[in-house]
N, C-alpha and C. Protein backbone atom coordinates (compact mmCIF):
# COMPACT_ATOMS: atom_id res chain seq x y z
N MET A 1 3.06 -2.45 29.88
CA MET A 1 2.48 -2.99 28.66
C MET A 1 0.96 -3.05 28.83
N ALA A 2 0.26 -2.46 27.93
CA ALA A 2 -1.20 -2.40 28.02
C ALA A 2 -1.83 -3.69 27.54
N TYR A 3 -2.97 -4.03 28.16
CA TYR A 3 -3.70 -5.22 27.77
C TYR A 3 -4.53 -4.90 26.53
N GLN A 4 -4.47 -5.76 25.53
CA GLN A 4 -5.26 -5.59 24.33
C GLN A 4 -6.15 -6.81 24.16
N TYR A 5 -7.35 -6.59 23.67
CA TYR A 5 -8.35 -7.64 23.65
C TYR A 5 -7.99 -8.82 22.77
N HIS A 6 -7.16 -8.62 21.74
CA HIS A 6 -6.87 -9.71 20.81
C HIS A 6 -5.64 -10.51 21.21
N GLU A 7 -4.95 -10.09 22.27
CA GLU A 7 -3.77 -10.83 22.73
C GLU A 7 -4.16 -11.72 23.90
N LYS A 8 -3.21 -12.56 24.32
CA LYS A 8 -3.44 -13.38 25.51
C LYS A 8 -3.50 -12.47 26.73
N LYS A 9 -4.11 -12.98 27.80
CA LYS A 9 -4.11 -12.22 29.04
C LYS A 9 -2.69 -12.16 29.59
N LEU A 10 -2.34 -11.05 30.22
CA LEU A 10 -0.98 -10.88 30.70
C LEU A 10 -0.72 -11.59 32.02
N ARG A 11 -1.78 -11.85 32.78
CA ARG A 11 -1.59 -12.47 34.09
C ARG A 11 -2.20 -13.87 34.12
N LYS A 12 -1.58 -14.73 34.93
CA LYS A 12 -2.10 -16.08 35.10
C LYS A 12 -3.37 -16.02 35.95
N ILE A 13 -4.29 -16.94 35.66
CA ILE A 13 -5.58 -16.91 36.35
C ILE A 13 -5.43 -17.36 37.81
N GLY A 14 -4.67 -18.42 38.04
CA GLY A 14 -4.59 -18.97 39.39
C GLY A 14 -3.81 -18.11 40.36
N THR A 15 -2.58 -17.75 39.99
CA THR A 15 -1.70 -17.05 40.93
C THR A 15 -1.69 -15.54 40.75
N GLY A 16 -2.07 -15.07 39.58
CA GLY A 16 -2.00 -13.64 39.31
C GLY A 16 -0.63 -13.20 38.83
N GLY A 17 0.29 -14.16 38.64
CA GLY A 17 1.63 -13.83 38.16
C GLY A 17 1.62 -13.49 36.68
N MET A 18 2.68 -12.82 36.24
CA MET A 18 2.78 -12.42 34.83
C MET A 18 3.10 -13.64 33.97
N ARG A 19 2.53 -13.69 32.79
CA ARG A 19 2.85 -14.74 31.83
C ARG A 19 4.17 -14.42 31.14
N ARG A 20 4.89 -15.46 30.75
CA ARG A 20 6.10 -15.27 29.98
C ARG A 20 5.77 -15.31 28.51
N SER A 21 6.49 -14.55 27.69
CA SER A 21 6.28 -14.55 26.26
C SER A 21 6.79 -15.86 25.67
N SER A 22 6.06 -16.43 24.73
CA SER A 22 6.46 -17.69 24.13
C SER A 22 7.48 -17.50 23.02
N ARG A 23 7.61 -16.29 22.53
CA ARG A 23 8.60 -16.00 21.48
C ARG A 23 9.04 -14.55 21.58
N ASP A 24 10.12 -14.27 20.90
CA ASP A 24 10.71 -12.93 20.92
C ASP A 24 10.08 -12.04 19.87
N LYS A 25 10.26 -10.75 20.00
CA LYS A 25 9.83 -9.83 18.96
C LYS A 25 10.84 -9.91 17.82
N LYS A 26 10.33 -9.80 16.58
CA LYS A 26 11.21 -9.86 15.42
C LYS A 26 11.01 -8.64 14.55
N LYS A 27 12.06 -8.23 13.90
CA LYS A 27 11.99 -7.07 13.01
C LYS A 27 11.03 -7.35 11.86
N ALA A 28 10.92 -8.63 11.47
CA ALA A 28 10.03 -9.01 10.37
C ALA A 28 8.56 -8.81 10.72
N HIS A 29 8.23 -8.75 12.01
CA HIS A 29 6.85 -8.60 12.44
C HIS A 29 6.43 -7.14 12.56
N LEU A 30 7.37 -6.24 12.41
CA LEU A 30 7.03 -4.82 12.45
C LEU A 30 6.27 -4.43 11.19
N GLY A 31 5.34 -3.55 11.33
CA GLY A 31 4.65 -3.02 10.16
C GLY A 31 5.48 -1.91 9.54
N GLY A 32 5.02 -1.39 8.44
CA GLY A 32 5.72 -0.29 7.81
C GLY A 32 4.85 0.95 7.82
N HIS A 33 5.46 2.08 7.57
CA HIS A 33 4.68 3.31 7.50
C HIS A 33 4.04 3.43 6.12
N PHE A 34 3.02 4.24 6.04
CA PHE A 34 2.28 4.43 4.79
C PHE A 34 3.15 5.17 3.78
N ARG A 35 3.29 4.59 2.61
CA ARG A 35 4.07 5.23 1.55
C ARG A 35 3.10 5.82 0.55
N ALA A 36 2.93 7.11 0.63
CA ALA A 36 1.96 7.81 -0.21
C ALA A 36 2.55 8.02 -1.59
N THR A 37 2.01 7.35 -2.59
CA THR A 37 2.47 7.48 -3.97
C THR A 37 1.77 8.67 -4.61
N LYS A 38 2.56 9.63 -5.07
CA LYS A 38 2.00 10.82 -5.70
C LYS A 38 2.32 10.83 -7.19
N ILE A 39 1.75 11.80 -7.89
CA ILE A 39 1.99 11.94 -9.32
C ILE A 39 3.21 12.82 -9.54
N GLY A 40 4.13 12.35 -10.36
CA GLY A 40 5.34 13.10 -10.65
C GLY A 40 6.36 12.20 -11.33
N LYS A 41 7.57 12.72 -11.51
CA LYS A 41 8.63 11.95 -12.14
C LYS A 41 8.92 10.71 -11.28
N ALA A 42 9.09 9.56 -11.92
CA ALA A 42 9.19 8.28 -11.22
C ALA A 42 10.35 8.26 -10.23
N ALA A 43 10.03 7.88 -8.98
CA ALA A 43 11.02 7.69 -7.92
C ALA A 43 10.50 6.60 -7.00
N SER A 44 11.42 5.78 -6.48
CA SER A 44 11.00 4.67 -5.62
C SER A 44 12.02 4.45 -4.52
N THR A 45 11.59 3.73 -3.49
CA THR A 45 12.47 3.30 -2.42
C THR A 45 12.33 1.79 -2.29
N SER A 46 13.30 1.17 -1.62
CA SER A 46 13.22 -0.28 -1.41
C SER A 46 13.45 -0.59 0.06
N LYS A 47 12.84 -1.69 0.50
CA LYS A 47 12.94 -2.11 1.88
C LYS A 47 13.34 -3.57 1.91
N ARG A 48 14.28 -3.92 2.78
CA ARG A 48 14.72 -5.31 2.90
C ARG A 48 13.72 -6.07 3.76
N LEU A 49 13.34 -7.25 3.28
CA LEU A 49 12.39 -8.09 3.98
C LEU A 49 13.10 -9.30 4.56
N ARG A 50 12.34 -10.12 5.25
CA ARG A 50 12.90 -11.33 5.83
C ARG A 50 13.34 -12.28 4.73
N GLY A 51 14.51 -12.86 4.88
CA GLY A 51 15.06 -13.76 3.88
C GLY A 51 15.85 -13.03 2.82
N GLY A 52 16.03 -11.71 2.97
CA GLY A 52 16.82 -10.94 2.02
C GLY A 52 16.05 -10.43 0.83
N ARG A 53 14.73 -10.71 0.77
CA ARG A 53 13.94 -10.20 -0.34
C ARG A 53 13.82 -8.69 -0.23
N MET A 54 13.53 -8.05 -1.34
CA MET A 54 13.38 -6.60 -1.36
C MET A 54 11.96 -6.25 -1.80
N LYS A 55 11.40 -5.22 -1.17
CA LYS A 55 10.07 -4.73 -1.54
C LYS A 55 10.26 -3.30 -2.06
N VAL A 56 9.74 -3.04 -3.24
CA VAL A 56 9.88 -1.73 -3.86
C VAL A 56 8.62 -0.92 -3.62
N ALA A 57 8.79 0.31 -3.18
CA ALA A 57 7.65 1.20 -2.94
C ALA A 57 7.82 2.44 -3.81
N LEU A 58 6.75 2.82 -4.50
CA LEU A 58 6.79 4.01 -5.34
C LEU A 58 6.56 5.26 -4.50
N LYS A 59 7.43 6.25 -4.66
CA LYS A 59 7.20 7.56 -4.05
C LYS A 59 6.36 8.41 -4.99
N THR A 60 6.81 8.46 -6.24
CA THR A 60 6.07 9.20 -7.26
C THR A 60 6.02 8.36 -8.53
N ALA A 61 4.98 8.56 -9.32
CA ALA A 61 4.81 7.82 -10.57
C ALA A 61 4.23 8.73 -11.63
N GLU A 62 4.65 8.50 -12.86
CA GLU A 62 4.19 9.32 -13.98
C GLU A 62 3.27 8.53 -14.91
N TYR A 63 3.48 7.21 -14.98
CA TYR A 63 2.73 6.37 -15.90
C TYR A 63 2.09 5.19 -15.17
N ALA A 64 1.01 4.68 -15.76
CA ALA A 64 0.33 3.49 -15.25
C ALA A 64 0.15 2.50 -16.39
N ASN A 65 0.17 1.21 -16.06
CA ASN A 65 -0.12 0.16 -17.04
C ASN A 65 -1.62 -0.05 -17.05
N VAL A 66 -2.29 0.37 -18.11
CA VAL A 66 -3.74 0.32 -18.18
C VAL A 66 -4.17 -0.81 -19.11
N VAL A 67 -5.06 -1.68 -18.61
CA VAL A 67 -5.60 -2.78 -19.41
C VAL A 67 -6.81 -2.27 -20.17
N ILE A 68 -6.73 -2.33 -21.49
CA ILE A 68 -7.82 -1.89 -22.37
C ILE A 68 -8.24 -3.12 -23.18
N GLY A 69 -9.36 -3.72 -22.80
CA GLY A 69 -9.79 -4.95 -23.46
C GLY A 69 -8.85 -6.08 -23.10
N ASP A 70 -8.12 -6.59 -24.11
CA ASP A 70 -7.12 -7.63 -23.84
C ASP A 70 -5.71 -7.14 -24.08
N LYS A 71 -5.53 -5.83 -24.20
CA LYS A 71 -4.21 -5.24 -24.41
C LYS A 71 -3.84 -4.34 -23.24
N VAL A 72 -2.54 -4.15 -23.06
CA VAL A 72 -2.03 -3.29 -21.99
C VAL A 72 -1.32 -2.11 -22.62
N LYS A 73 -1.67 -0.90 -22.15
CA LYS A 73 -1.07 0.32 -22.69
C LYS A 73 -0.46 1.13 -21.56
N LYS A 74 0.70 1.70 -21.80
CA LYS A 74 1.34 2.58 -20.83
C LYS A 74 0.72 3.97 -21.00
N ALA A 75 0.00 4.43 -19.98
CA ALA A 75 -0.73 5.69 -20.07
C ALA A 75 -0.22 6.68 -19.05
N LYS A 76 -0.19 7.95 -19.41
CA LYS A 76 0.26 9.01 -18.52
C LYS A 76 -0.86 9.35 -17.53
N ILE A 77 -0.50 9.46 -16.26
CA ILE A 77 -1.47 9.79 -15.22
C ILE A 77 -1.64 11.30 -15.16
N ILE A 78 -2.89 11.76 -15.18
CA ILE A 78 -3.18 13.19 -15.13
C ILE A 78 -3.53 13.62 -13.71
N ARG A 79 -4.49 12.92 -13.09
CA ARG A 79 -4.89 13.26 -11.72
C ARG A 79 -5.67 12.11 -11.09
N VAL A 80 -5.90 12.21 -9.79
CA VAL A 80 -6.71 11.24 -9.06
C VAL A 80 -8.12 11.80 -8.98
N ILE A 81 -9.10 10.99 -9.41
CA ILE A 81 -10.49 11.44 -9.42
C ILE A 81 -11.18 11.08 -8.10
N GLU A 82 -11.00 9.85 -7.63
CA GLU A 82 -11.60 9.45 -6.36
C GLU A 82 -10.76 8.37 -5.71
N SER A 83 -10.80 8.31 -4.38
CA SER A 83 -10.05 7.32 -3.64
C SER A 83 -10.94 6.73 -2.56
N PRO A 84 -11.15 5.40 -2.56
CA PRO A 84 -12.05 4.80 -1.58
C PRO A 84 -11.48 4.77 -0.16
N SER A 85 -10.15 4.81 -0.03
CA SER A 85 -9.56 4.71 1.29
C SER A 85 -9.66 6.01 2.09
N ASN A 86 -9.54 7.15 1.40
CA ASN A 86 -9.61 8.44 2.10
C ASN A 86 -9.93 9.52 1.07
N ARG A 87 -10.95 10.31 1.32
CA ARG A 87 -11.32 11.32 0.34
C ARG A 87 -10.33 12.48 0.28
N GLU A 88 -9.49 12.63 1.31
CA GLU A 88 -8.45 13.66 1.28
C GLU A 88 -7.37 13.31 0.25
N TYR A 89 -7.21 12.02 -0.06
CA TYR A 89 -6.18 11.59 -1.00
C TYR A 89 -6.46 12.12 -2.41
N THR A 90 -7.72 12.37 -2.73
CA THR A 90 -8.03 12.90 -4.06
C THR A 90 -7.51 14.32 -4.19
N ARG A 91 -7.61 15.09 -3.14
CA ARG A 91 -7.11 16.47 -3.17
C ARG A 91 -5.59 16.52 -3.23
N MET A 92 -4.95 15.54 -2.56
CA MET A 92 -3.49 15.52 -2.53
C MET A 92 -2.88 14.70 -3.66
N ASN A 93 -3.73 14.12 -4.53
CA ASN A 93 -3.29 13.26 -5.65
C ASN A 93 -2.45 12.08 -5.18
N ILE A 94 -2.90 11.42 -4.12
CA ILE A 94 -2.23 10.21 -3.62
C ILE A 94 -2.92 8.99 -4.21
N ILE A 95 -2.13 8.09 -4.79
CA ILE A 95 -2.67 6.91 -5.47
C ILE A 95 -2.59 5.70 -4.55
N THR A 96 -3.73 5.06 -4.31
CA THR A 96 -3.81 3.83 -3.54
C THR A 96 -4.58 2.79 -4.35
N LYS A 97 -4.65 1.57 -3.82
CA LYS A 97 -5.41 0.53 -4.51
C LYS A 97 -6.89 0.90 -4.50
N GLY A 98 -7.54 0.75 -5.66
CA GLY A 98 -8.95 1.06 -5.78
C GLY A 98 -9.22 2.49 -6.18
N ALA A 99 -8.20 3.33 -6.24
CA ALA A 99 -8.39 4.72 -6.61
C ALA A 99 -8.71 4.82 -8.10
N VAL A 100 -9.57 5.78 -8.44
CA VAL A 100 -9.90 6.04 -9.84
C VAL A 100 -9.01 7.17 -10.31
N ILE A 101 -8.22 6.91 -11.36
CA ILE A 101 -7.30 7.92 -11.88
C ILE A 101 -7.70 8.31 -13.29
N GLU A 102 -7.37 9.53 -13.65
CA GLU A 102 -7.61 9.99 -15.01
C GLU A 102 -6.30 9.88 -15.77
N THR A 103 -6.33 9.16 -16.89
CA THR A 103 -5.14 8.99 -17.72
C THR A 103 -5.44 9.52 -19.12
N ASP A 104 -4.42 9.55 -19.95
CA ASP A 104 -4.66 9.98 -21.33
C ASP A 104 -5.44 8.93 -22.13
N ALA A 105 -5.61 7.72 -21.58
CA ALA A 105 -6.42 6.68 -22.22
C ALA A 105 -7.86 6.71 -21.72
N GLY A 106 -8.13 7.44 -20.64
CA GLY A 106 -9.46 7.50 -20.04
C GLY A 106 -9.40 7.24 -18.55
N LYS A 107 -10.56 7.08 -17.93
CA LYS A 107 -10.62 6.79 -16.49
C LYS A 107 -10.24 5.34 -16.25
N ALA A 108 -9.47 5.11 -15.18
CA ALA A 108 -9.03 3.75 -14.86
C ALA A 108 -9.01 3.56 -13.36
N ARG A 109 -9.27 2.31 -12.92
CA ARG A 109 -9.24 1.97 -11.50
C ARG A 109 -7.94 1.22 -11.21
N VAL A 110 -7.24 1.64 -10.17
CA VAL A 110 -5.95 1.04 -9.80
C VAL A 110 -6.19 -0.31 -9.14
N THR A 111 -5.52 -1.36 -9.64
CA THR A 111 -5.68 -2.71 -9.10
C THR A 111 -4.46 -3.17 -8.31
N SER A 112 -3.35 -2.47 -8.40
CA SER A 112 -2.15 -2.85 -7.66
C SER A 112 -1.99 -1.95 -6.44
N ARG A 113 -1.05 -2.30 -5.58
CA ARG A 113 -0.75 -1.50 -4.40
C ARG A 113 0.60 -0.82 -4.63
N PRO A 114 0.61 0.43 -5.07
CA PRO A 114 1.86 1.08 -5.45
C PRO A 114 2.88 1.19 -4.32
N GLY A 115 2.41 1.34 -3.09
CA GLY A 115 3.32 1.42 -1.95
C GLY A 115 3.91 0.08 -1.57
N GLN A 116 3.36 -1.01 -2.09
CA GLN A 116 3.84 -2.36 -1.77
C GLN A 116 4.45 -3.05 -2.99
N HIS A 117 3.88 -2.84 -4.18
CA HIS A 117 4.30 -3.56 -5.37
C HIS A 117 5.31 -2.79 -6.22
N GLY A 118 5.33 -1.47 -6.10
CA GLY A 118 6.29 -0.69 -6.87
C GLY A 118 5.87 -0.45 -8.31
N VAL A 119 4.59 -0.65 -8.64
CA VAL A 119 4.09 -0.44 -9.99
C VAL A 119 2.62 -0.05 -9.89
N ILE A 120 2.14 0.68 -10.89
CA ILE A 120 0.73 1.04 -10.92
C ILE A 120 0.08 0.31 -12.09
N ASN A 121 -0.78 -0.66 -11.76
CA ASN A 121 -1.58 -1.37 -12.75
C ASN A 121 -3.02 -0.91 -12.60
N ALA A 122 -3.70 -0.71 -13.71
CA ALA A 122 -5.07 -0.22 -13.66
C ALA A 122 -5.89 -0.84 -14.78
N VAL A 123 -7.22 -0.81 -14.58
CA VAL A 123 -8.18 -1.32 -15.56
C VAL A 123 -9.04 -0.17 -16.02
N LEU A 124 -9.20 -0.04 -17.34
CA LEU A 124 -10.02 1.03 -17.90
C LEU A 124 -11.47 0.83 -17.51
N ILE A 125 -12.11 1.89 -17.03
CA ILE A 125 -13.53 1.76 -16.64
C ILE A 125 -14.44 2.59 -17.54
N GLN A 126 -13.88 3.30 -18.50
CA GLN A 126 -14.70 4.12 -19.38
C GLN A 126 -14.23 4.03 -20.81
């Protein structure tokens, strides 16, 4: 087991013996892999969480809920214009939080996390 700077030291200071873990590893503490949401016919997957809750992740999405003023409109997604997390995502049309998408209502910025929330919510910026 490698020593990492943000964890406790693995050895005791006085004797040099190994420290014992104060708790066990849990499946709930595992992270998940990146779920790249692309443009296409709607498809999703679900993951069971601790306590039996379910988390829905979008694989592909065709529409976004776009806020225009004080109203919400269901708009068709055309393409990804820019993505702050990775510029390669714009070429691959991967939608993440903060990405600017082109819809039939205009340009909109994504405010939800499609891989975590299972929905694409956006705010019109133009």
